[in-house]
Amino acid sequence: MPTIVQTKVPIEIKTNMRVSLDINLKNDLNGMKQVLTLSSVVEEVLDSNCLLIQMPLFQGYHYPLPHDTPLLMIFMADADMYAAPAKFQERIERDGFIFAKMRRLGTLIPHQRRDCYRVPCSLPVTVERLWIKERELYPERQPTEGKMIDFCDGGMLFFTDENIETGEKITLTFDMGNTETVESIALRKERVEDGKYLFKVAAQFKNNDKAQKRRFYKYVVDMQQEERRRWTQAINQLYDPGKKAEYHGQSE
């Protein structure tokens, strides 16, 4: 039985505060990290260590939170984040809605691993290879077009026809309201058996531009908020058929 640490938290946890859960997975789902991040909202603060959150959704369904897998509970206050280990205790239903009772197991401390927050993204991306085998530079090589799969402020997963090597340096260019170009390094490559592109590549950004990092982080947060809004509308539709569903941006 883990020891529960009673300490004064650096932020006040309130109703409607955004919260995320990092769940360690046995298998790497996207080639970048073995962590699944789920977004939610604080429904009720029960005591100094326990709270109810809206049951997180994953691909439109309530995610079955594990009782025996380590969780990291992350709270977002303005532009700052704080995290603590946590345990899922039980599933609670109220008035047709489903909540998760969570217990904090340690001290809330500042959290900096922003790159664990990934959002699905299908934007086009231009891929330019800086060097290939034996680090020979080929300046005449032309950039090619690919497509994002998901994005975070520390890297992305994308489709490409380029047979990029693990560890290879590449430059990625894409548009998120303004054109962004960032030097990256390929972490992993997988062949796509059936699809428009031949490979999917996980890349880590190697930029030191703080302003660009802030833009990337803001984009991820905005996308999370938009997805949460759509999830909420989809759930409300279940209990109020008179409302028009808008999940995934499509009307029924």
C-alpha atoms as a PDB file:
ATOM      1  CA  MET A   1       0.000   0.000   0.000  1.00  0.00           C
ATOM      2  CA  PRO A   2       1.665   3.272  -1.092  1.00  0.00           C
ATOM      3  CA  THR A   3       2.252   5.962   1.482  1.00  0.00           C
ATOM      4  CA  ILE A   4       0.097   9.045   0.976  1.00  0.00           C
ATOM      5  CA  VAL A   5       2.052  12.239   1.399  1.00  0.00           C
ATOM      6  CA  GLN A   6       0.149  15.075   3.070  1.00  0.00           C
ATOM      7  CA  THR A   7       1.706  18.328   1.864  1.00  0.00           C
ATOM      8  CA  LYS A   8       0.623  21.812   0.963  1.00  0.00           C
ATOM      9  CA  VAL A   9       0.127  21.964  -2.801  1.00  0.00           C
ATOM     10  CA  PRO A  10       1.739  24.818  -4.806  1.00  0.00           C
ATOM     11  CA  ILE A  11      -1.546  25.543  -6.606  1.00  0.00           C
ATOM     12  CA  GLU A  12      -5.181  25.430  -5.555  1.00  0.00           C
ATOM     13  CA  ILE A  13      -6.996  22.574  -7.255  1.00  0.00           C
ATOM     14  CA  LYS A  14     -10.442  23.805  -8.251  1.00  0.00           C
ATOM     15  CA  THR A  15     -13.556  22.601 -10.008  1.00  0.00           C
ATOM     16  CA  ASN A  16     -13.333  22.893 -13.815  1.00  0.00           C
ATOM     17  CA  MET A  17      -9.510  22.943 -13.737  1.00  0.00           C
ATOM     18  CA  ARG A  18      -7.941  21.097 -16.643  1.00  0.00           C
ATOM     19  CA  VAL A  19      -6.184  17.870 -15.695  1.00  0.00           C
ATOM     20  CA  SER A  20      -4.386  15.177 -17.695  1.00  0.00           C
ATOM     21  CA  LEU A  21      -3.424  11.608 -16.889  1.00  0.00           C
ATOM     22  CA  ASP A  22      -0.206  10.039 -18.198  1.00  0.00           C
ATOM     23  CA  ILE A  23      -0.535   6.247 -18.353  1.00  0.00           C
ATOM     24  CA  ASN A  24       2.507   4.051 -18.918  1.00  0.00           C
ATOM     25  CA  LEU A  25       1.858   1.507 -21.668  1.00  0.00           C
ATOM     26  CA  LYS A  26       3.529  -1.820 -22.313  1.00  0.00           C
ATOM     27  CA  ASN A  27       3.694  -1.140 -26.044  1.00  0.00           C
ATOM     28  CA  ASP A  28       4.733   2.020 -27.846  1.00  0.00           C
ATOM     29  CA  LEU A  29       1.693   3.211 -29.769  1.00  0.00           C
ATOM     30  CA  ASN A  30       3.270   5.880 -31.917  1.00  0.00           C
ATOM     31  CA  GLY A  31       7.009   5.344 -31.965  1.00  0.00           C
ATOM     32  CA  MET A  32       7.799   8.308 -29.732  1.00  0.00           C
ATOM     33  CA  LYS A  33       6.945   7.531 -26.116  1.00  0.00           C
ATOM     34  CA  GLN A  34       5.381   4.678 -24.200  1.00  0.00           C
ATOM     35  CA  VAL A  35       2.882   6.994 -22.532  1.00  0.00           C
ATOM     36  CA  LEU A  36      -0.782   7.600 -23.263  1.00  0.00           C
ATOM     37  CA  THR A  37      -2.023  11.051 -22.263  1.00  0.00           C
ATOM     38  CA  LEU A  38      -5.726  11.537 -21.546  1.00  0.00           C
ATOM     39  CA  SER A  39      -7.378  14.912 -20.984  1.00  0.00           C
ATOM     40  CA  SER A  40     -10.100  15.619 -18.446  1.00  0.00           C
ATOM     41  CA  VAL A  41     -11.577  18.254 -16.128  1.00  0.00           C
ATOM     42  CA  VAL A  42     -11.871  18.379 -12.338  1.00  0.00           C
ATOM     43  CA  GLU A  43     -15.492  17.792 -11.332  1.00  0.00           C
ATOM     44  CA  GLU A  44     -15.192  17.972  -7.534  1.00  0.00           C
ATOM     45  CA  VAL A  45     -12.448  18.248  -4.925  1.00  0.00           C
ATOM     46  CA  LEU A  46     -13.280  15.695  -2.197  1.00  0.00           C
ATOM     47  CA  ASP A  47     -10.402  16.368   0.205  1.00  0.00           C
ATOM     48  CA  SER A  48      -6.716  17.323   0.125  1.00  0.00           C
ATOM     49  CA  ASN A  49      -5.761  14.167  -1.771  1.00  0.00           C
ATOM     50  CA  CYS A  50      -8.924  12.895  -3.501  1.00  0.00           C
ATOM     51  CA  LEU A  51     -10.941  14.363  -6.318  1.00  0.00           C
ATOM     52  CA  LEU A  52     -13.426  13.435  -8.996  1.00  0.00           C
ATOM     53  CA  ILE A  53     -12.581  14.047 -12.630  1.00  0.00           C
ATOM     54  CA  GLN A  54     -14.692  13.517 -15.698  1.00  0.00           C
ATOM     55  CA  MET A  55     -13.947  10.022 -16.986  1.00  0.00           C
ATOM     56  CA  PRO A  56     -11.372  10.577 -19.769  1.00  0.00           C
ATOM     57  CA  LEU A  57     -12.334   9.765 -23.317  1.00  0.00           C
ATOM     58  CA  PHE A  58     -10.187   8.012 -25.885  1.00  0.00           C
ATOM     59  CA  GLN A  59     -11.299   7.812 -29.509  1.00  0.00           C
ATOM     60  CA  GLY A  60     -14.812   8.763 -28.438  1.00  0.00           C
ATOM     61  CA  TYR A  61     -15.183   6.195 -25.619  1.00  0.00           C
ATOM     62  CA  HIS A  62     -14.630   6.265 -21.856  1.00  0.00           C
ATOM     63  CA  TYR A  63     -11.132   4.934 -21.261  1.00  0.00           C
ATOM     64  CA  PRO A  64     -10.936   1.984 -18.794  1.00  0.00           C
ATOM     65  CA  LEU A  65      -8.478   3.432 -16.283  1.00  0.00           C
ATOM     66  CA  PRO A  66      -6.247   0.716 -14.763  1.00  0.00           C
ATOM     67  CA  HIS A  67      -6.026   0.097 -11.027  1.00  0.00           C
ATOM     68  CA  ASP A  68      -2.554  -1.475 -11.194  1.00  0.00           C
ATOM     69  CA  THR A  69      -0.686   0.811 -13.612  1.00  0.00           C
ATOM     70  CA  PRO A  70       1.255   3.907 -12.488  1.00  0.00           C
ATOM     71  CA  LEU A  71      -0.463   7.175 -13.381  1.00  0.00           C
ATOM     72  CA  LEU A  72       0.821  10.722 -13.412  1.00  0.00           C
ATOM     73  CA  MET A  73      -1.840  13.340 -12.724  1.00  0.00           C
ATOM     74  CA  ILE A  74      -1.011  16.718 -14.287  1.00  0.00           C
ATOM     75  CA  PHE A  75      -2.813  19.965 -13.532  1.00  0.00           C
ATOM     76  CA  MET A  76      -2.699  22.978 -15.837  1.00  0.00           C
ATOM     77  CA  ALA A  77      -2.887  26.443 -14.287  1.00  0.00           C
ATOM     78  CA  ASP A  78      -2.573  29.113 -16.960  1.00  0.00           C
ATOM     79  CA  ALA A  79       0.724  28.334 -18.732  1.00  0.00           C
ATOM     80  CA  ASP A  80       2.168  26.318 -15.837  1.00  0.00           C
ATOM     81  CA  MET A  81       1.864  22.619 -15.082  1.00  0.00           C
ATOM     82  CA  TYR A  82       2.138  20.637 -11.857  1.00  0.00           C
ATOM     83  CA  ALA A  83       2.202  16.868 -11.534  1.00  0.00           C
ATOM     84  CA  ALA A  84       1.999  14.141  -8.900  1.00  0.00           C
ATOM     85  CA  PRO A  85       1.717  10.341  -8.943  1.00  0.00           C
ATOM     86  CA  ALA A  86      -1.861   9.175  -8.590  1.00  0.00           C
ATOM     87  CA  LYS A  87      -4.053   6.105  -8.341  1.00  0.00           C
ATOM     88  CA  PHE A  88      -7.435   5.430  -9.921  1.00  0.00           C
ATOM     89  CA  GLN A  89      -9.767   4.277  -7.127  1.00  0.00           C
ATOM     90  CA  GLU A  90     -13.219   3.787  -8.587  1.00  0.00           C
ATOM     91  CA  ARG A  91     -15.704   4.674 -11.290  1.00  0.00           C
ATOM     92  CA  ILE A  92     -18.682   6.739 -10.132  1.00  0.00           C
ATOM     93  CA  GLU A  93     -21.936   7.468 -11.986  1.00  0.00           C
ATOM     94  CA  ARG A  94     -24.026  10.558 -11.238  1.00  0.00           C
ATOM     95  CA  ASP A  95     -27.104  11.659 -13.134  1.00  0.00           C
ATOM     96  CA  GLY A  96     -26.068   9.593 -16.133  1.00  0.00           C
ATOM     97  CA  PHE A  97     -22.521  10.954 -16.235  1.00  0.00           C
ATOM     98  CA  ILE A  98     -19.382   8.961 -15.428  1.00  0.00           C
ATOM     99  CA  PHE A  99     -16.524  10.150 -13.254  1.00  0.00           C
ATOM    100  CA  ALA A 100     -13.229   8.740 -11.982  1.00  0.00           C
ATOM    101  CA  LYS A 101     -12.240   9.036  -8.332  1.00  0.00           C
ATOM    102  CA  MET A 102      -8.506   9.726  -8.157  1.00  0.00           C
ATOM    103  CA  ARG A 103      -6.169   9.772  -5.154  1.00  0.00           C
ATOM    104  CA  ARG A 104      -2.968  11.788  -5.199  1.00  0.00           C
ATOM    105  CA  LEU A 105      -0.011   9.760  -3.853  1.00  0.00           C
ATOM    106  CA  GLY A 106       2.677  12.405  -3.633  1.00  0.00           C
ATOM    107  CA  THR A 107       3.574  16.050  -3.728  1.00  0.00           C
ATOM    108  CA  LEU A 108       2.553  18.288  -6.610  1.00  0.00           C
ATOM    109  CA  ILE A 109       5.695  19.652  -8.238  1.00  0.00           C
ATOM    110  CA  PRO A 110       6.335  21.797 -11.341  1.00  0.00           C
ATOM    111  CA  HIS A 111       6.141  19.678 -14.477  1.00  0.00           C
ATOM    112  CA  GLN A 112       8.156  20.399 -17.623  1.00  0.00           C
ATOM    113  CA  ARG A 113       7.572  17.361 -19.872  1.00  0.00           C
ATOM    114  CA  ARG A 114       5.337  19.254 -22.254  1.00  0.00           C
ATOM    115  CA  ASP A 115       6.349  17.078 -25.196  1.00  0.00           C
ATOM    116  CA  CYS A 116       4.274  14.179 -23.817  1.00  0.00           C
ATOM    117  CA  TYR A 117       1.089  15.981 -24.894  1.00  0.00           C
ATOM    118  CA  ARG A 118       0.388  14.802 -28.418  1.00  0.00           C
ATOM    119  CA  VAL A 119      -2.650  15.572 -30.498  1.00  0.00           C
ATOM    120  CA  PRO A 120      -3.829  13.895 -33.698  1.00  0.00           C
ATOM    121  CA  CYS A 121      -2.981  16.101 -36.654  1.00  0.00           C
ATOM    122  CA  SER A 122      -3.298  15.638 -40.411  1.00  0.00           C
ATOM    123  CA  LEU A 123      -1.539  18.763 -41.672  1.00  0.00           C
ATOM    124  CA  PRO A 124       0.753  18.489 -44.711  1.00  0.00           C
ATOM    125  CA  VAL A 125       4.460  18.605 -43.909  1.00  0.00           C
ATOM    126  CA  THR A 126       7.434  19.208 -46.193  1.00  0.00           C
ATOM    127  CA  VAL A 127      10.379  16.900 -45.456  1.00  0.00           C
ATOM    128  CA  GLU A 128      13.933  17.848 -46.395  1.00  0.00           C
ATOM    129  CA  ARG A 129      16.744  15.369 -45.754  1.00  0.00           C
ATOM    130  CA  LEU A 130      20.004  17.003 -44.632  1.00  0.00           C
ATOM    131  CA  TRP A 131      22.184  13.946 -44.912  1.00  0.00           C
ATOM    132  CA  ILE A 132      21.782  10.238 -45.586  1.00  0.00           C
ATOM    133  CA  LYS A 133      24.062   7.219 -45.268  1.00  0.00           C
ATOM    134  CA  GLU A 134      27.690   8.002 -44.367  1.00  0.00           C
ATOM    135  CA  ARG A 135      26.626  11.621 -43.720  1.00  0.00           C
ATOM    136  CA  GLU A 136      27.185  12.623 -47.337  1.00  0.00           C
ATOM    137  CA  LEU A 137      25.434  15.878 -48.133  1.00  0.00           C
ATOM    138  CA  TYR A 138      23.206  15.937 -51.208  1.00  0.00           C
ATOM    139  CA  PRO A 139      22.131  19.588 -51.695  1.00  0.00           C
ATOM    140  CA  GLU A 140      20.429  18.744 -54.987  1.00  0.00           C
ATOM    141  CA  ARG A 141      17.865  16.549 -53.246  1.00  0.00           C
ATOM    142  CA  GLN A 142      14.430  18.136 -53.406  1.00  0.00           C
ATOM    143  CA  PRO A 143      12.093  18.315 -50.387  1.00  0.00           C
ATOM    144  CA  THR A 144       9.115  15.932 -50.493  1.00  0.00           C
ATOM    145  CA  GLU A 145       5.572  16.222 -49.195  1.00  0.00           C
ATOM    146  CA  GLY A 146       4.336  14.116 -46.296  1.00  0.00           C
ATOM    147  CA  LYS A 147       1.472  14.193 -43.811  1.00  0.00           C
ATOM    148  CA  MET A 148       1.387  14.508 -40.017  1.00  0.00           C
ATOM    149  CA  ILE A 149      -0.136  11.766 -37.866  1.00  0.00           C
ATOM    150  CA  ASP A 150       0.223  13.471 -34.501  1.00  0.00           C
ATOM    151  CA  PHE A 151       2.051  16.461 -33.077  1.00  0.00           C
ATOM    152  CA  CYS A 152       3.505  17.775 -29.826  1.00  0.00           C
ATOM    153  CA  ASP A 153       5.749  20.717 -29.048  1.00  0.00           C
ATOM    154  CA  GLY A 154       8.730  18.346 -28.906  1.00  0.00           C
ATOM    155  CA  GLY A 155       8.229  16.367 -32.110  1.00  0.00           C
ATOM    156  CA  MET A 156       5.820  14.688 -34.482  1.00  0.00           C
ATOM    157  CA  LEU A 157       4.872  11.428 -36.139  1.00  0.00           C
ATOM    158  CA  PHE A 158       4.355  11.725 -39.893  1.00  0.00           C
ATOM    159  CA  PHE A 159       3.869   9.788 -43.118  1.00  0.00           C
ATOM    160  CA  THR A 160       6.460  10.032 -45.889  1.00  0.00           C
ATOM    161  CA  ASP A 161       7.733   8.199 -48.964  1.00  0.00           C
ATOM    162  CA  GLU A 162      11.328   8.914 -47.908  1.00  0.00           C
ATOM    163  CA  ASN A 163      13.283   5.952 -46.522  1.00  0.00           C
ATOM    164  CA  ILE A 164      14.681   8.005 -43.632  1.00  0.00           C
ATOM    165  CA  GLU A 165      17.266   6.349 -41.395  1.00  0.00           C
ATOM    166  CA  THR A 166      17.050   6.343 -37.599  1.00  0.00           C
ATOM    167  CA  GLY A 167      19.262   9.176 -36.334  1.00  0.00           C
ATOM    168  CA  GLU A 168      19.113  11.073 -39.614  1.00  0.00           C
ATOM    169  CA  LYS A 169      18.835  14.863 -39.511  1.00  0.00           C
ATOM    170  CA  ILE A 170      15.855  16.322 -41.362  1.00  0.00           C
ATOM    171  CA  THR A 171      14.096  19.673 -41.692  1.00  0.00           C
ATOM    172  CA  LEU A 172      10.314  19.794 -41.362  1.00  0.00           C
ATOM    173  CA  THR A 173       8.156  22.650 -42.641  1.00  0.00           C
ATOM    174  CA  PHE A 174       4.420  22.987 -41.948  1.00  0.00           C
ATOM    175  CA  ASP A 175       1.712  25.607 -41.505  1.00  0.00           C
ATOM    176  CA  MET A 176      -0.123  26.166 -38.202  1.00  0.00           C
ATOM    177  CA  GLY A 177      -1.529  29.563 -39.046  1.00  0.00           C
ATOM    178  CA  ASN A 178       1.969  30.661 -39.987  1.00  0.00           C
ATOM    179  CA  THR A 179       4.764  28.714 -41.673  1.00  0.00           C
ATOM    180  CA  GLU A 180       7.069  26.880 -39.252  1.00  0.00           C
ATOM    181  CA  THR A 181      10.420  25.281 -40.121  1.00  0.00           C
ATOM    182  CA  VAL A 182      12.263  23.171 -37.556  1.00  0.00           C
ATOM    183  CA  GLU A 183      15.357  20.994 -37.643  1.00  0.00           C
ATOM    184  CA  SER A 184      14.670  17.489 -36.344  1.00  0.00           C
ATOM    185  CA  ILE A 185      16.167  14.060 -35.873  1.00  0.00           C
ATOM    186  CA  ALA A 186      14.465  10.792 -36.822  1.00  0.00           C
ATOM    187  CA  LEU A 187      13.868   8.558 -33.807  1.00  0.00           C
ATOM    188  CA  ARG A 188      12.112   5.662 -35.468  1.00  0.00           C
ATOM    189  CA  LYS A 189      10.839   4.509 -38.856  1.00  0.00           C
ATOM    190  CA  GLU A 190       8.189   1.919 -39.718  1.00  0.00           C
ATOM    191  CA  ARG A 191       7.082   0.680 -43.114  1.00  0.00           C
ATOM    192  CA  VAL A 192       3.406   1.216 -43.937  1.00  0.00           C
ATOM    193  CA  GLU A 193       1.986  -1.945 -45.477  1.00  0.00           C
ATOM    194  CA  ASP A 194      -1.208  -0.503 -46.899  1.00  0.00           C
ATOM    195  CA  GLY A 195      -1.622   3.181 -47.502  1.00  0.00           C
ATOM    196  CA  LYS A 196      -0.793   6.229 -49.586  1.00  0.00           C
ATOM    197  CA  TYR A 197       2.698   6.591 -48.072  1.00  0.00           C
ATOM    198  CA  LEU A 198       5.510   4.072 -47.681  1.00  0.00           C
ATOM    199  CA  PHE A 199       6.765   4.937 -44.186  1.00  0.00           C
ATOM    200  CA  LYS A 200       5.851   6.601 -40.936  1.00  0.00           C
ATOM    201  CA  VAL A 201       8.602   8.375 -39.025  1.00  0.00           C
ATOM    202  CA  ALA A 202       8.787   9.668 -35.454  1.00  0.00           C
ATOM    203  CA  ALA A 203      10.923  12.815 -35.254  1.00  0.00           C
ATOM    204  CA  GLN A 204      12.183  14.890 -32.344  1.00  0.00           C
ATOM    205  CA  PHE A 205      12.560  18.649 -32.789  1.00  0.00           C
ATOM    206  CA  LYS A 206      16.068  20.008 -32.165  1.00  0.00           C
ATOM    207  CA  ASN A 207      15.212  23.705 -32.144  1.00  0.00           C
ATOM    208  CA  ASN A 208      16.329  26.224 -29.511  1.00  0.00           C
ATOM    209  CA  ASP A 209      13.810  28.875 -30.513  1.00  0.00           C
ATOM    210  CA  LYS A 210      11.819  29.566 -27.326  1.00  0.00           C
ATOM    211  CA  ALA A 211       9.208  31.621 -29.163  1.00  0.00           C
ATOM    212  CA  GLN A 212       8.607  28.759 -31.587  1.00  0.00           C
ATOM    213  CA  LYS A 213       8.333  26.279 -28.711  1.00  0.00           C
ATOM    214  CA  ARG A 214       5.715  28.491 -27.096  1.00  0.00           C
ATOM    215  CA  ARG A 215       3.753  28.603 -30.372  1.00  0.00           C
ATOM    216  CA  PHE A 216       3.871  24.811 -30.626  1.00  0.00           C
ATOM    217  CA  TYR A 217       2.757  24.396 -27.024  1.00  0.00           C
ATOM    218  CA  LYS A 218      -0.121  26.855 -27.485  1.00  0.00           C
ATOM    219  CA  TYR A 219      -1.237  24.966 -30.587  1.00  0.00           C
ATOM    220  CA  VAL A 220      -1.310  21.672 -28.645  1.00  0.00           C
ATOM    221  CA  VAL A 221      -3.273  23.201 -25.758  1.00  0.00           C
ATOM    222  CA  ASP A 222      -5.761  24.845 -28.154  1.00  0.00           C
ATOM    223  CA  MET A 223      -6.263  21.526 -29.964  1.00  0.00           C
ATOM    224  CA  GLN A 224      -6.841  19.727 -26.653  1.00  0.00           C
ATOM    225  CA  GLN A 225      -9.437  22.280 -25.605  1.00  0.00           C
ATOM    226  CA  GLU A 226     -11.222  21.997 -28.942  1.00  0.00           C
ATOM    227  CA  GLU A 227     -11.251  18.199 -28.757  1.00  0.00           C
ATOM    228  CA  ARG A 228     -12.561  18.371 -25.200  1.00  0.00           C
ATOM    229  CA  ARG A 229     -15.355  20.692 -26.338  1.00  0.00           C
ATOM    230  CA  ARG A 230     -16.346  18.237 -29.044  1.00  0.00           C
ATOM    231  CA  TRP A 231     -16.276  15.309 -26.610  1.00  0.00           C
ATOM    232  CA  THR A 232     -18.528  17.231 -24.221  1.00  0.00           C
ATOM    233  CA  GLN A 233     -20.973  17.992 -27.009  1.00  0.00           C
ATOM    234  CA  ALA A 234     -20.994  14.325 -28.026  1.00  0.00           C
ATOM    235  CA  ILE A 235     -21.750  13.225 -24.445  1.00  0.00           C
ATOM    236  CA  ASN A 236     -24.471  15.868 -24.062  1.00  0.00           C
ATOM    237  CA  GLN A 237     -26.058  14.579 -27.258  1.00  0.00           C
ATOM    238  CA  LEU A 238     -26.550  11.191 -25.579  1.00  0.00           C
ATOM    239  CA  TYR A 239     -28.721  12.786 -22.890  1.00  0.00           C
ATOM    240  CA  ASP A 240     -30.332  15.526 -24.965  1.00  0.00           C
ATOM    241  CA  PRO A 241     -31.251  14.163 -28.415  1.00  0.00           C
ATOM    242  CA  GLY A 242     -32.631  17.582 -29.352  1.00  0.00           C
ATOM    243  CA  LYS A 243     -29.091  18.931 -29.603  1.00  0.00           C
ATOM    244  CA  LYS A 244     -27.133  18.502 -32.797  1.00  0.00           C
ATOM    245  CA  ALA A 245     -23.977  16.408 -32.414  1.00  0.00           C
ATOM    246  CA  GLU A 246     -20.702  17.940 -33.517  1.00  0.00           C
ATOM    247  CA  TYR A 247     -18.105  15.332 -32.608  1.00  0.00           C
ATOM    248  CA  HIS A 248     -14.991  15.354 -34.801  1.00  0.00           C
ATOM    249  CA  GLY A 249     -16.311  18.506 -36.440  1.00  0.00           C
ATOM    250  CA  GLN A 250     -19.143  16.778 -38.308  1.00  0.00           C
ATOM    251  CA  SER A 251     -22.879  17.314 -37.910  1.00  0.00           C
ATOM    252  CA  GLU A 252     -25.281  14.425 -37.949  1.00  0.00           C
END
